[in-house]
Every structure is written in structure tokens, then in C-alpha cells.
PDB file of N, CA and C in Angstrom:
ATOM      1  N   UNK A   1      83.030  42.533  90.801  1.00  0.00           N
ATOM      2  CA  UNK A   1      83.449  43.085  89.594  1.00  0.00           C
ATOM      3  C   UNK A   1      82.644  42.450  88.440  1.00  0.00           C
ATOM      4  N   UNK A   2      82.069  43.182  87.623  1.00  0.00           N
ATOM      5  CA  UNK A   2      81.305  42.678  86.524  1.00  0.00           C
ATOM      6  C   UNK A   2      82.158  42.749  85.219  1.00  0.00           C
ATOM      7  N   UNK A   3      82.382  41.584  84.648  1.00  0.00           N
ATOM      8  CA  UNK A   3      83.280  41.598  83.429  1.00  0.00           C
ATOM      9  C   UNK A   3      82.389  41.558  82.185  1.00  0.00           C
ATOM     10  N   UNK A   4      82.989  41.833  81.089  1.00  0.00           N
ATOM     11  CA  UNK A   4      82.273  41.862  79.783  1.00  0.00           C
ATOM     12  C   UNK A   4      81.804  40.415  79.477  1.00  0.00           C
ATOM     13  N   UNK A   5      80.569  40.328  78.971  1.00  0.00           N
ATOM     14  CA  UNK A   5      80.078  39.047  78.627  1.00  0.00           C
ATOM     15  C   UNK A   5      80.680  38.592  77.277  1.00  0.00           C
ATOM     16  N   UNK A   6      80.813  37.271  77.133  1.00  0.00           N
ATOM     17  CA  UNK A   6      81.295  36.621  76.047  1.00  0.00           C
ATOM     18  C   UNK A   6      80.033  36.308  75.126  1.00  0.00           C
ATOM     19  N   UNK A   7      80.241  36.568  73.839  1.00  0.00           N
ATOM     20  CA  UNK A   7      79.062  36.353  72.835  1.00  0.00           C
ATOM     21  C   UNK A   7      79.295  35.002  72.079  1.00  0.00           C
ATOM     22  N   UNK A   8      78.528  34.104  72.256  1.00  0.00           N
ATOM     23  CA  UNK A   8      78.535  32.807  71.555  1.00  0.00           C
ATOM     24  C   UNK A   8      77.313  32.618  70.748  1.00  0.00           C
ATOM     25  N   UNK A   9      77.431  32.869  69.438  1.00  0.00           N
ATOM     26  CA  UNK A   9      76.302  32.714  68.492  1.00  0.00           C
ATOM     27  C   UNK A   9      75.056  33.627  68.978  1.00  0.00           C
ATOM     28  N   UNK A  10      75.412  34.788  69.457  1.00  0.00           N
ATOM     29  CA  UNK A  10      74.387  35.689  69.952  1.00  0.00           C
ATOM     30  C   UNK A  10      73.876  35.531  71.341  1.00  0.00           C
ATOM     31  N   UNK A  11      74.418  34.535  72.104  1.00  0.00           N
ATOM     32  CA  UNK A  11      74.053  34.251  73.421  1.00  0.00           C
ATOM     33  C   UNK A  11      75.169  34.848  74.320  1.00  0.00           C
ATOM     34  N   UNK A  12      74.846  35.721  75.253  1.00  0.00           N
ATOM     35  CA  UNK A  12      75.859  36.196  76.118  1.00  0.00           C
ATOM     36  C   UNK A  12      76.181  35.230  77.374  1.00  0.00           C
ATOM     37  N   UNK A  13      77.417  35.090  77.607  1.00  0.00           N
ATOM     38  CA  UNK A  13      77.865  34.249  78.672  1.00  0.00           C
ATOM     39  C   UNK A  13      78.712  35.085  79.625  1.00  0.00           C
ATOM     40  N   UNK A  14      78.472  35.012  80.880  1.00  0.00           N
ATOM     41  CA  UNK A  14      79.329  35.738  81.949  1.00  0.00           C
ATOM     42  C   UNK A  14      80.523  34.896  82.246  1.00  0.00           C
ATOM     43  N   UNK A  15      81.653  35.407  82.003  1.00  0.00           N
ATOM     44  CA  UNK A  15      82.918  34.650  82.327  1.00  0.00           C
ATOM     45  C   UNK A  15      83.249  34.651  83.880  1.00  0.00           C
ATOM     46  N   UNK A  16      82.527  33.807  84.653  1.00  0.00           N
ATOM     47  CA  UNK A  16      82.669  33.758  86.055  1.00  0.00           C
ATOM     48  C   UNK A  16      82.989  32.349  86.517  1.00  0.00           C
ATOM     49  N   UNK A  17      83.717  32.306  87.687  1.00  0.00           N
ATOM     50  CA  UNK A  17      83.868  31.083  88.357  1.00  0.00           C
ATOM     51  C   UNK A  17      82.660  30.833  89.234  1.00  0.00           C
ATOM     52  N   UNK A  18      82.605  29.627  89.939  1.00  0.00           N
ATOM     53  CA  UNK A  18      81.516  29.328  90.788  1.00  0.00           C
ATOM     54  C   UNK A  18      81.422  30.252  91.995  1.00  0.00           C
ATOM     55  N   UNK A  19      82.581  30.763  92.495  1.00  0.00           N
ATOM     56  CA  UNK A  19      82.553  31.696  93.592  1.00  0.00           C
ATOM     57  C   UNK A  19      82.048  33.028  93.196  1.00  0.00           C
ATOM     58  N   UNK A  20      82.477  33.471  91.973  1.00  0.00           N
ATOM     59  CA  UNK A  20      81.925  34.817  91.465  1.00  0.00           C
ATOM     60  C   UNK A  20      80.451  34.685  91.157  1.00  0.00           C
ATOM     61  N   UNK A  21      79.998  33.554  90.663  1.00  0.00           N
ATOM     62  CA  UNK A  21      78.568  33.408  90.380  1.00  0.00           C
ATOM     63  C   UNK A  21      77.853  33.449  91.734  1.00  0.00           C
ATOM     64  N   UNK A  22      78.254  32.832  92.714  1.00  0.00           N
ATOM     65  CA  UNK A  22      77.604  32.797  93.933  1.00  0.00           C
ATOM     66  C   UNK A  22      77.596  34.188  94.590  1.00  0.00           C
ATOM     67  N   UNK A  23      78.685  34.901  94.475  1.00  0.00           N
ATOM     68  CA  UNK A  23      78.754  36.280  95.020  1.00  0.00           C
ATOM     69  C   UNK A  23      77.731  37.153  94.273  1.00  0.00           C
ATOM     70  N   UNK A  24      77.576  37.003  92.991  1.00  0.00           N
ATOM     71  CA  UNK A  24      76.572  37.830  92.240  1.00  0.00           C
ATOM     72  C   UNK A  24      75.231  37.539  92.690  1.00  0.00           C
ATOM     73  N   UNK A  25      74.920  36.192  92.849  1.00  0.00           N
ATOM     74  CA  UNK A  25      73.568  35.742  93.275  1.00  0.00           C
ATOM     75  C   UNK A  25      73.299  36.308  94.631  1.00  0.00           C
ATOM     76  N   UNK A  26      74.319  36.342  95.555  1.00  0.00           N
ATOM     77  CA  UNK A  26      74.094  36.842  96.892  1.00  0.00           C
ATOM     78  C   UNK A  26      73.724  38.375  96.694  1.00  0.00           C
ATOM     79  N   UNK A  27      74.373  39.060  95.837  1.00  0.00           N
ATOM     80  CA  UNK A  27      74.097  40.453  95.628  1.00  0.00           C
ATOM     81  C   UNK A  27      72.690  40.637  95.102  1.00  0.00           C
ATOM     82  N   UNK A  28      72.227  39.794  94.188  1.00  0.00           N
ATOM     83  CA  UNK A  28      70.887  39.803  93.625  1.00  0.00           C
ATOM     84  C   UNK A  28      69.848  39.577  94.736  1.00  0.00           C
ATOM     85  N   UNK A  29      70.105  38.628  95.652  1.00  0.00           N
ATOM     86  CA  UNK A  29      69.186  38.293  96.787  1.00  0.00           C
ATOM     87  C   UNK A  29      69.087  39.563  97.676  1.00  0.00           C
ATOM     88  N   UNK A  30      70.281  40.128  97.972  1.00  0.00           N
ATOM     89  CA  UNK A  30      70.346  41.231  98.914  1.00  0.00           C
ATOM     90  C   UNK A  30      69.564  42.495  98.329  1.00  0.00           C
ATOM     91  N   UNK A  31      69.468  42.564  97.048  1.00  0.00           N
ATOM     92  CA  UNK A  31      68.773  43.722  96.470  1.00  0.00           C
ATOM     93  C   UNK A  31      67.291  43.629  96.596  1.00  0.00           C
ATOM     94  N   UNK A  32      66.812  42.411  96.867  1.00  0.00           N
ATOM     95  CA  UNK A  32      65.329  42.199  97.060  1.00  0.00           C
ATOM     96  C   UNK A  32      64.596  42.430  95.764  1.00  0.00           C
ATOM     97  N   UNK A  33      65.267  42.478  94.663  1.00  0.00           N
ATOM     98  CA  UNK A  33      64.654  42.640  93.335  1.00  0.00           C
ATOM     99  C   UNK A  33      64.744  41.317  92.599  1.00  0.00           C
ATOM    100  N   UNK A  34      63.838  41.055  91.670  1.00  0.00           N
ATOM    101  CA  UNK A  34      63.919  39.793  90.885  1.00  0.00           C
ATOM    102  C   UNK A  34      65.039  39.887  89.828  1.00  0.00           C
ATOM    103  N   UNK A  35      65.742  38.775  89.792  1.00  0.00           N
ATOM    104  CA  UNK A  35      66.888  38.602  88.815  1.00  0.00           C
ATOM    105  C   UNK A  35      66.616  37.230  88.189  1.00  0.00           C
ATOM    106  N   UNK A  36      67.212  37.079  86.929  1.00  0.00           N
ATOM    107  CA  UNK A  36      67.141  35.793  86.277  1.00  0.00           C
ATOM    108  C   UNK A  36      68.558  35.327  85.991  1.00  0.00           C
ATOM    109  N   UNK A  37      68.795  34.070  86.338  1.00  0.00           N
ATOM    110  CA  UNK A  37      70.088  33.396  86.091  1.00  0.00           C
ATOM    111  C   UNK A  37      69.836  32.245  85.229  1.00  0.00           C
ATOM    112  N   UNK A  38      70.714  32.016  84.224  1.00  0.00           N
ATOM    113  CA  UNK A  38      70.614  30.862  83.370  1.00  0.00           C
ATOM    114  C   UNK A  38      71.858  30.078  83.393  1.00  0.00           C
ATOM    115  N   UNK A  39      71.771  28.807  83.437  1.00  0.00           N
ATOM    116  CA  UNK A  39      72.999  27.989  83.269  1.00  0.00           C
ATOM    117  C   UNK A  39      72.950  27.445  81.837  1.00  0.00           C
ATOM    118  N   UNK A  40      73.745  28.119  81.006  1.00  0.00           N
ATOM    119  CA  UNK A  40      73.662  27.941  79.555  1.00  0.00           C
ATOM    120  C   UNK A  40      74.616  26.792  79.169  1.00  0.00           C
ATOM    121  N   UNK A  41      74.012  25.782  78.458  1.00  0.00           N
ATOM    122  CA  UNK A  41      74.771  24.672  77.974  1.00  0.00           C
ATOM    123  C   UNK A  41      74.747  24.787  76.448  1.00  0.00           C
ATOM    124  N   UNK A  42      75.429  23.971  75.688  1.00  0.00           N
ATOM    125  CA  UNK A  42      75.483  24.061  74.137  1.00  0.00           C
ATOM    126  C   UNK A  42      74.057  23.910  73.636  1.00  0.00           C
ATOM    127  N   UNK A  43      73.222  23.030  74.291  1.00  0.00           N
ATOM    128  CA  UNK A  43      71.891  22.819  73.748  1.00  0.00           C
ATOM    129  C   UNK A  43      71.053  24.189  73.871  1.00  0.00           C
ATOM    130  N   UNK A  44      71.251  24.911  74.915  1.00  0.00           N
ATOM    131  CA  UNK A  44      70.576  26.230  75.022  1.00  0.00           C
ATOM    132  C   UNK A  44      71.034  27.147  73.838  1.00  0.00           C
ATOM    133  N   UNK A  45      72.272  27.197  73.621  1.00  0.00           N
ATOM    134  CA  UNK A  45      72.789  28.012  72.467  1.00  0.00           C
ATOM    135  C   UNK A  45      72.218  27.677  71.179  1.00  0.00           C
ATOM    136  N   UNK A  46      72.125  26.376  70.917  1.00  0.00           N
ATOM    137  CA  UNK A  46      71.585  25.900  69.684  1.00  0.00           C
ATOM    138  C   UNK A  46      70.067  26.180  69.600  1.00  0.00           C
ATOM    139  N   UNK A  47      69.404  25.876  70.766  1.00  0.00           N
ATOM    140  CA  UNK A  47      67.906  26.113  70.671  1.00  0.00           C
ATOM    141  C   UNK A  47      67.642  27.610  70.468  1.00  0.00           C
ATOM    142  N   UNK A  48      68.408  28.503  70.964  1.00  0.00           N
ATOM    143  CA  UNK A  48      68.259  29.907  70.827  1.00  0.00           C
ATOM    144  C   UNK A  48      68.370  30.323  69.365  1.00  0.00           C
ATOM    145  N   UNK A  49      69.015  29.596  68.501  1.00  0.00           N
ATOM    146  CA  UNK A  49      69.170  29.939  67.132  1.00  0.00           C
ATOM    147  C   UNK A  49      67.884  29.722  66.329  1.00  0.00           C
ATOM    148  N   UNK A  50      67.038  28.834  66.855  1.00  0.00           N
ATOM    149  CA  UNK A  50      65.757  28.638  66.159  1.00  0.00           C
ATOM    150  C   UNK A  50      64.524  29.213  66.931  1.00  0.00           C
ATOM    151  N   UNK A  51      64.751  29.632  68.153  1.00  0.00           N
ATOM    152  CA  UNK A  51      63.619  30.064  68.966  1.00  0.00           C
ATOM    153  C   UNK A  51      63.865  31.531  69.383  1.00  0.00           C
ATOM    154  N   UNK A  52      63.268  32.501  68.720  1.00  0.00           N
ATOM    155  CA  UNK A  52      63.520  33.836  68.966  1.00  0.00           C
ATOM    156  C   UNK A  52      63.220  34.309  70.404  1.00  0.00           C
ATOM    157  N   UNK A  53      62.057  33.800  70.953  1.00  0.00           N
ATOM    158  CA  UNK A  53      61.712  34.132  72.340  1.00  0.00           C
ATOM    159  C   UNK A  53      62.773  33.697  73.275  1.00  0.00           C
ATOM    160  N   UNK A  54      63.268  32.431  73.203  1.00  0.00           N
ATOM    161  CA  UNK A  54      64.317  31.926  74.044  1.00  0.00           C
ATOM    162  C   UNK A  54      65.532  32.781  73.818  1.00  0.00           C
ATOM    163  N   UNK A  55      65.913  33.082  72.705  1.00  0.00           N
ATOM    164  CA  UNK A  55      67.128  33.916  72.383  1.00  0.00           C
ATOM    165  C   UNK A  55      67.011  35.279  73.135  1.00  0.00           C
ATOM    166  N   UNK A  56      65.862  35.880  73.020  1.00  0.00           N
ATOM    167  CA  UNK A  56      65.640  37.177  73.672  1.00  0.00           C
ATOM    168  C   UNK A  56      65.741  37.046  75.186  1.00  0.00           C
ATOM    169  N   UNK A  57      65.225  35.959  75.751  1.00  0.00           N
ATOM    170  CA  UNK A  57      65.295  35.758  77.202  1.00  0.00           C
ATOM    171  C   UNK A  57      66.756  35.645  77.672  1.00  0.00           C
ATOM    172  N   UNK A  58      67.619  34.807  76.840  1.00  0.00           N
ATOM    173  CA  UNK A  58      68.945  34.627  77.213  1.00  0.00           C
ATOM    174  C   UNK A  58      69.727  35.921  77.113  1.00  0.00           C
ATOM    175  N   UNK A  59      69.224  36.823  76.256  1.00  0.00           N
ATOM    176  CA  UNK A  59      69.942  38.148  76.081  1.00  0.00           C
ATOM    177  C   UNK A  59      69.579  39.124  77.268  1.00  0.00           C
ATOM    178  N   UNK A  60      68.577  38.874  78.006  1.00  0.00           N
ATOM    179  CA  UNK A  60      68.086  39.792  78.963  1.00  0.00           C
ATOM    180  C   UNK A  60      68.380  39.286  80.443  1.00  0.00           C
ATOM    181  N   UNK A  61      68.829  38.064  80.541  1.00  0.00           N
ATOM    182  CA  UNK A  61      69.130  37.585  81.907  1.00  0.00           C
ATOM    183  C   UNK A  61      70.125  38.421  82.643  1.00  0.00           C
ATOM    184  N   UNK A  62      70.143  38.340  83.982  1.00  0.00           N
ATOM    185  CA  UNK A  62      71.108  39.083  84.696  1.00  0.00           C
ATOM    186  C   UNK A  62      72.434  38.302  84.871  1.00  0.00           C
ATOM    187  N   UNK A  63      72.433  36.956  84.674  1.00  0.00           N
ATOM    188  CA  UNK A  63      73.628  36.232  84.781  1.00  0.00           C
ATOM    189  C   UNK A  63      73.491  34.918  83.929  1.00  0.00           C
ATOM    190  N   UNK A  64      74.361  34.693  82.953  1.00  0.00           N
ATOM    191  CA  UNK A  64      74.381  33.492  82.172  1.00  0.00           C
ATOM    192  C   UNK A  64      75.713  32.793  82.471  1.00  0.00           C
ATOM    193  N   UNK A  65      75.569  31.632  82.973  1.00  0.00           N
ATOM    194  CA  UNK A  65      76.689  30.815  83.484  1.00  0.00           C
ATOM    195  C   UNK A  65      77.077  29.746  82.446  1.00  0.00           C
ATOM    196  N   UNK A  66      78.380  29.531  82.169  1.00  0.00           N
ATOM    197  CA  UNK A  66      78.715  28.523  81.209  1.00  0.00           C
ATOM    198  C   UNK A  66      78.546  27.094  81.864  1.00  0.00           C
ATOM    199  N   UNK A  67      77.507  26.408  81.390  1.00  0.00           N
ATOM    200  CA  UNK A  67      77.205  25.168  81.976  1.00  0.00           C
ATOM    201  C   UNK A  67      77.604  24.024  80.954  1.00  0.00           C
ATOM    202  N   UNK A  68      78.903  23.731  80.894  1.00  0.00           N
ATOM    203  CA  UNK A  68      79.304  22.702  79.978  1.00  0.00           C
ATOM    204  C   UNK A  68      80.652  23.026  79.296  1.00  0.00           C
ATOM    205  N   UNK A  69      81.423  22.000  79.046  1.00  0.00           N
ATOM    206  CA  UNK A  69      82.692  22.291  78.433  1.00  0.00           C
ATOM    207  C   UNK A  69      82.591  22.726  77.005  1.00  0.00           C
ATOM    208  N   UNK A  70      81.440  22.390  76.386  1.00  0.00           N
ATOM    209  CA  UNK A  70      81.282  22.848  74.991  1.00  0.00           C
ATOM    210  C   UNK A  70      81.170  24.432  74.928  1.00  0.00           C
ATOM    211  N   UNK A  71      80.528  25.022  75.931  1.00  0.00           N
ATOM    212  CA  UNK A  71      80.435  26.424  76.006  1.00  0.00           C
ATOM    213  C   UNK A  71      81.813  27.042  76.245  1.00  0.00           C
ATOM    214  N   UNK A  72      82.510  26.427  77.107  1.00  0.00           N
ATOM    215  CA  UNK A  72      83.867  26.945  77.468  1.00  0.00           C
ATOM    216  C   UNK A  72      84.782  26.797  76.282  1.00  0.00           C
ATOM    217  N   UNK A  73      84.687  25.669  75.454  1.00  0.00           N
ATOM    218  CA  UNK A  73      85.512  25.452  74.309  1.00  0.00           C
ATOM    219  C   UNK A  73      85.263  26.447  73.277  1.00  0.00           C
ATOM    220  N   UNK A  74      83.949  26.701  73.049  1.00  0.00           N
ATOM    221  CA  UNK A  74      83.518  27.730  72.085  1.00  0.00           C
ATOM    222  C   UNK A  74      84.062  29.163  72.365  1.00  0.00           C
ATOM    223  N   UNK A  75      84.064  29.504  73.629  1.00  0.00           N
ATOM    224  CA  UNK A  75      84.609  30.758  74.111  1.00  0.00           C
ATOM    225  C   UNK A  75      86.062  30.765  73.843  1.00  0.00           C
ATOM    226  N   UNK A  76      86.778  29.736  74.097  1.00  0.00           N
ATOM    227  CA  UNK A  76      88.179  29.716  73.868  1.00  0.00           C
ATOM    228  C   UNK A  76      88.509  29.869  72.336  1.00  0.00           C
ATOM    229  N   UNK A  77      87.710  29.105  71.553  1.00  0.00           N
ATOM    230  CA  UNK A  77      87.845  29.143  70.133  1.00  0.00           C
ATOM    231  C   UNK A  77      87.708  30.648  69.653  1.00  0.00           C
ATOM    232  N   UNK A  78      86.817  31.363  70.257  1.00  0.00           N
ATOM    233  CA  UNK A  78      86.651  32.784  69.909  1.00  0.00           C
ATOM    234  C   UNK A  78      87.573  33.700  70.608  1.00  0.00           C
ATOM    235  N   UNK A  79      88.569  33.139  71.204  1.00  0.00           N
ATOM    236  CA  UNK A  79      89.650  33.951  71.933  1.00  0.00           C
ATOM    237  C   UNK A  79      89.065  34.823  73.037  1.00  0.00           C
ATOM    238  N   UNK A  80      87.909  34.339  73.656  1.00  0.00           N
ATOM    239  CA  UNK A  80      87.376  35.021  74.789  1.00  0.00           C
ATOM    240  C   UNK A  80      87.113  34.084  75.914  1.00  0.00           C
ATOM    241  N   UNK A  81      88.197  33.605  76.554  1.00  0.00           N
ATOM    242  CA  UNK A  81      88.128  32.418  77.478  1.00  0.00           C
ATOM    243  C   UNK A  81      87.194  32.720  78.702  1.00  0.00           C
ATOM    244  N   UNK A  82      86.617  31.625  79.123  1.00  0.00           N
ATOM    245  CA  UNK A  82      85.664  31.556  80.352  1.00  0.00           C
ATOM    246  C   UNK A  82      86.530  30.800  81.341  1.00  0.00           C
ATOM    247  N   UNK A  83      86.584  31.371  82.570  1.00  0.00           N
ATOM    248  CA  UNK A  83      87.570  30.718  83.617  1.00  0.00           C
ATOM    249  C   UNK A  83      87.106  29.338  84.111  1.00  0.00           C
ATOM    250  N   UNK A  84      85.760  29.039  84.053  1.00  0.00           N
ATOM    251  CA  UNK A  84      85.380  27.766  84.531  1.00  0.00           C
ATOM    252  C   UNK A  84      84.032  27.399  84.004  1.00  0.00           C
ATOM    253  N   UNK A  85      83.711  26.048  84.034  1.00  0.00           N
ATOM    254  CA  UNK A  85      82.434  25.548  83.840  1.00  0.00           C
ATOM    255  C   UNK A  85      81.696  25.492  85.193  1.00  0.00           C
ATOM    256  N   UNK A  86      80.507  25.993  85.233  1.00  0.00           N
ATOM    257  CA  UNK A  86      79.649  25.997  86.493  1.00  0.00           C
ATOM    258  C   UNK A  86      78.369  25.278  86.141  1.00  0.00           C
ATOM    259  N   UNK A  87      78.275  24.046  86.521  1.00  0.00           N
ATOM    260  CA  UNK A  87      76.976  23.325  86.225  1.00  0.00           C
ATOM    261  C   UNK A  87      75.862  23.817  87.053  1.00  0.00           C
ATOM    262  N   UNK A  88      74.679  23.712  86.459  1.00  0.00           N
ATOM    263  CA  UNK A  88      73.568  24.103  87.217  1.00  0.00           C
ATOM    264  C   UNK A  88      73.330  23.314  88.498  1.00  0.00           C
ATOM    265  N   UNK A  89      73.593  22.030  88.500  1.00  0.00           N
ATOM    266  CA  UNK A  89      73.560  21.185  89.626  1.00  0.00           C
ATOM    267  C   UNK A  89      74.408  21.650  90.686  1.00  0.00           C
ATOM    268  N   UNK A  90      75.699  21.932  90.322  1.00  0.00           N
ATOM    269  CA  UNK A  90      76.684  22.416  91.362  1.00  0.00           C
ATOM    270  C   UNK A  90      76.352  23.808  91.906  1.00  0.00           C
ATOM    271  N   UNK A  91      75.786  24.679  90.978  1.00  0.00           N
ATOM    272  CA  UNK A  91      75.459  26.078  91.453  1.00  0.00           C
ATOM    273  C   UNK A  91      74.227  25.930  92.463  1.00  0.00           C
ATOM    274  N   UNK A  92      73.270  25.099  92.061  1.00  0.00           N
ATOM    275  CA  UNK A  92      72.101  24.910  93.034  1.00  0.00           C
ATOM    276  C   UNK A  92      72.618  24.435  94.381  1.00  0.00           C
ATOM    277  N   UNK A  93      73.496  23.491  94.346  1.00  0.00           N
ATOM    278  CA  UNK A  93      74.018  22.935  95.595  1.00  0.00           C
ATOM    279  C   UNK A  93      74.675  23.984  96.356  1.00  0.00           C
ATOM    280  N   UNK A  94      75.474  24.830  95.706  1.00  0.00           N
ATOM    281  CA  UNK A  94      76.169  25.959  96.451  1.00  0.00           C
ATOM    282  C   UNK A  94      75.225  26.911  96.917  1.00  0.00           C
ATOM    283  N   UNK A  95      74.190  27.251  96.144  1.00  0.00           N
ATOM    284  CA  UNK A  95      73.102  28.207  96.612  1.00  0.00           C
ATOM    285  C   UNK A  95      72.440  27.636  97.779  1.00  0.00           C
ATOM    286  N   UNK A  96      72.036  26.415  97.875  1.00  0.00           N
ATOM    287  CA  UNK A  96      71.380  25.827  98.930  1.00  0.00           C
ATOM    288  C   UNK A  96      72.224  25.771 100.175  1.00  0.00           C
ATOM    289  N   UNK A  97      73.409  25.437 100.076  1.00  0.00           N
ATOM    290  CA  UNK A  97      74.471  25.429 101.165  1.00  0.00           C
ATOM    291  C   UNK A  97      74.552  26.854 101.782  1.00  0.00           C
ATOM    292  N   UNK A  98      74.857  27.863 100.850  1.00  0.00           N
ATOM    293  CA  UNK A  98      74.942  29.245 101.406  1.00  0.00           C
ATOM    294  C   UNK A  98      73.688  29.709 101.960  1.00  0.00           C
ATOM    295  N   UNK A  99      72.600  29.299 101.253  1.00  0.00           N
ATOM    296  CA  UNK A  99      71.312  29.832 101.692  1.00  0.00           C
ATOM    297  C   UNK A  99      70.968  29.323 103.134  1.00  0.00           C
ATOM    298  N   UNK A 100      71.263  28.056 103.337  1.00  0.00           N
ATOM    299  CA  UNK A 100      71.017  27.485 104.665  1.00  0.00           C
ATOM    300  C   UNK A 100      71.828  28.268 105.785  1.00  0.00           C
ATOM    301  N   UNK A 101      72.992  28.749 105.482  1.00  0.00           N
ATOM    302  CA  UNK A 101      73.783  29.472 106.413  1.00  0.00           C
ATOM    303  C   UNK A 101      73.270  30.872 106.603  1.00  0.00           C
ATOM    304  N   UNK A 102      72.771  31.483 105.539  1.00  0.00           N
ATOM    305  CA  UNK A 102      72.347  32.876 105.538  1.00  0.00           C
ATOM    306  C   UNK A 102      70.833  33.118 105.727  1.00  0.00           C
ATOM    307  N   UNK A 103      70.125  31.972 105.786  1.00  0.00           N
ATOM    308  CA  UNK A 103      68.649  32.115 106.029  1.00  0.00           C
ATOM    309  C   UNK A 103      67.832  32.400 104.750  1.00  0.00           C
ATOM    310  N   UNK A 104      68.373  32.122 103.559  1.00  0.00           N
ATOM    311  CA  UNK A 104      67.631  32.271 102.289  1.00  0.00           C
ATOM    312  C   UNK A 104      66.548  31.215 102.217  1.00  0.00           C
ATOM    313  N   UNK A 105      65.524  31.611 101.579  1.00  0.00           N
ATOM    314  CA  UNK A 105      64.420  30.646 101.255  1.00  0.00           C
ATOM    315  C   UNK A 105      64.601  30.187  99.864  1.00  0.00           C
ATOM    316  N   UNK A 106      64.296  28.929  99.535  1.00  0.00           N
ATOM    317  CA  UNK A 106      64.337  28.339  98.207  1.00  0.00           C
ATOM    318  C   UNK A 106      63.000  27.832  97.855  1.00  0.00           C
ATOM    319  N   UNK A 107      62.556  28.151  96.670  1.00  0.00           N
ATOM    320  CA  UNK A 107      61.328  27.649  96.166  1.00  0.00           C
ATOM    321  C   UNK A 107      61.564  26.651  95.027  1.00  0.00           C
ATOM    322  N   UNK A 108      61.240  25.388  95.245  1.00  0.00           N
ATOM    323  CA  UNK A 108      61.514  24.330  94.276  1.00  0.00           C
ATOM    324  C   UNK A 108      60.198  23.883  93.627  1.00  0.00           C
ATOM    325  N   UNK A 109      60.233  23.784  92.360  1.00  0.00           N
ATOM    326  CA  UNK A 109      59.002  23.361  91.515  1.00  0.00           C
ATOM    327  C   UNK A 109      59.302  22.123  90.793  1.00  0.00           C
ATOM    328  N   UNK A 110      58.504  21.183  90.918  1.00  0.00           N
ATOM    329  CA  UNK A 110      58.633  19.925  90.246  1.00  0.00           C
ATOM    330  C   UNK A 110      57.581  19.681  89.150  1.00  0.00           C
ATOM    331  N   UNK A 111      57.849  18.926  88.128  1.00  0.00           N
ATOM    332  CA  UNK A 111      56.865  18.723  87.116  1.00  0.00           C
ATOM    333  C   UNK A 111      55.905  17.619  87.482  1.00  0.00           C
ATOM    334  N   UNK A 112      56.399  16.632  88.126  1.00  0.00           N
ATOM    335  CA  UNK A 112      55.459  15.469  88.526  1.00  0.00           C
ATOM    336  C   UNK A 112      55.272  15.569  90.073  1.00  0.00           C
ATOM    337  N   UNK A 113      54.217  14.885  90.558  1.00  0.00           N
ATOM    338  CA  UNK A 113      53.952  14.856  91.964  1.00  0.00           C
ATOM    339  C   UNK A 113      55.173  14.462  92.740  1.00  0.00           C
ATOM    340  N   UNK A 114      55.535  15.154  93.882  1.00  0.00           N
ATOM    341  CA  UNK A 114      56.588  14.895  94.833  1.00  0.00           C
ATOM    342  C   UNK A 114      57.987  15.087  94.333  1.00  0.00           C
ATOM    343  N   UNK A 115      58.176  15.590  92.999  1.00  0.00           N
ATOM    344  CA  UNK A 115      59.494  15.880  92.534  1.00  0.00           C
ATOM    345  C   UNK A 115      60.248  16.961  93.382  1.00  0.00           C
ATOM    346  N   UNK A 116      59.435  18.047  93.658  1.00  0.00           N
ATOM    347  CA  UNK A 116      60.054  19.179  94.468  1.00  0.00           C
ATOM    348  C   UNK A 116      60.365  18.727  95.866  1.00  0.00           C
ATOM    349  N   UNK A 117      59.561  17.967  96.427  1.00  0.00           N
ATOM    350  CA  UNK A 117      59.776  17.488  97.837  1.00  0.00           C
ATOM    351  C   UNK A 117      60.928  16.583  97.822  1.00  0.00           C
ATOM    352  N   UNK A 118      61.086  15.715  96.846  1.00  0.00           N
ATOM    353  CA  UNK A 118      62.274  14.841  96.843  1.00  0.00           C
ATOM    354  C   UNK A 118      63.552  15.569  96.636  1.00  0.00           C
ATOM    355  N   UNK A 119      63.526  16.579  95.786  1.00  0.00           N
ATOM    356  CA  UNK A 119      64.663  17.468  95.546  1.00  0.00           C
ATOM    357  C   UNK A 119      65.025  18.226  96.833  1.00  0.00           C
ATOM    358  N   UNK A 120      64.076  18.649  97.512  1.00  0.00           N
ATOM    359  CA  UNK A 120      64.296  19.393  98.788  1.00  0.00           C
ATOM    360  C   UNK A 120      65.054  18.487  99.753  1.00  0.00           C
TER     361      UNK A 120
END
């Protein structure tokens, strides 16, 4: 079930739990089409205020997850609660765990030599 996105300073956030996020990601993978997921923290929301390109990207992603209690607090203040904080680290761990069970491939990119292999 897709619920209505919460708007925080023009940045849409999907009010999902970690299980719901993982279910949506599994659906994205099954579709074999590209999808973009962002784990939006307060810094993302503030950066989007000054960077139009970044703002537009966050408006067109397929799934924006609340990554931080600040995002959840802002949503509550706006009377549009988000059920859970789902950090990017926790989500990636869940994706890797489920991916290992279902045979998904993960592509890791690191900025410095050996970063991706160390993460793997």
C-alpha cells in the first residue's frame, strides 16, 4: 500500500516503517526497472533549500525514507506523523540480508581505494 507523502519544506517523505520500505524495494527490484531511493535526513532537507537540482531530485525519487529523528519530529510538528525512523545504514543492512536470501546483486561504490571492498 502506498501512502501519501509528507511534505517537509518541499521535500516529500514516505511515511514507512523499515519493513514497508524493504517491501517497496523488493517490488522495485522485481520490476527490473530503475528506481531511486533516498534516505533523507535534516541535512538533506536544508541542502535542498539552497540547491534547486538536489531539491528536484528529492521530488522525483521513488522512495524517500525518514533518516533521522529530526525529520520525524518535523513531520509530527506538521501533524503528519511518520511511523518510524529508518536509517540508511539499517536499510542497507536489511537490503543486504534479504538480498543474500533472494539472490539479489549489490553494487557498492567507494570514494577511496578499497572502500567498496571493505564495505562488502
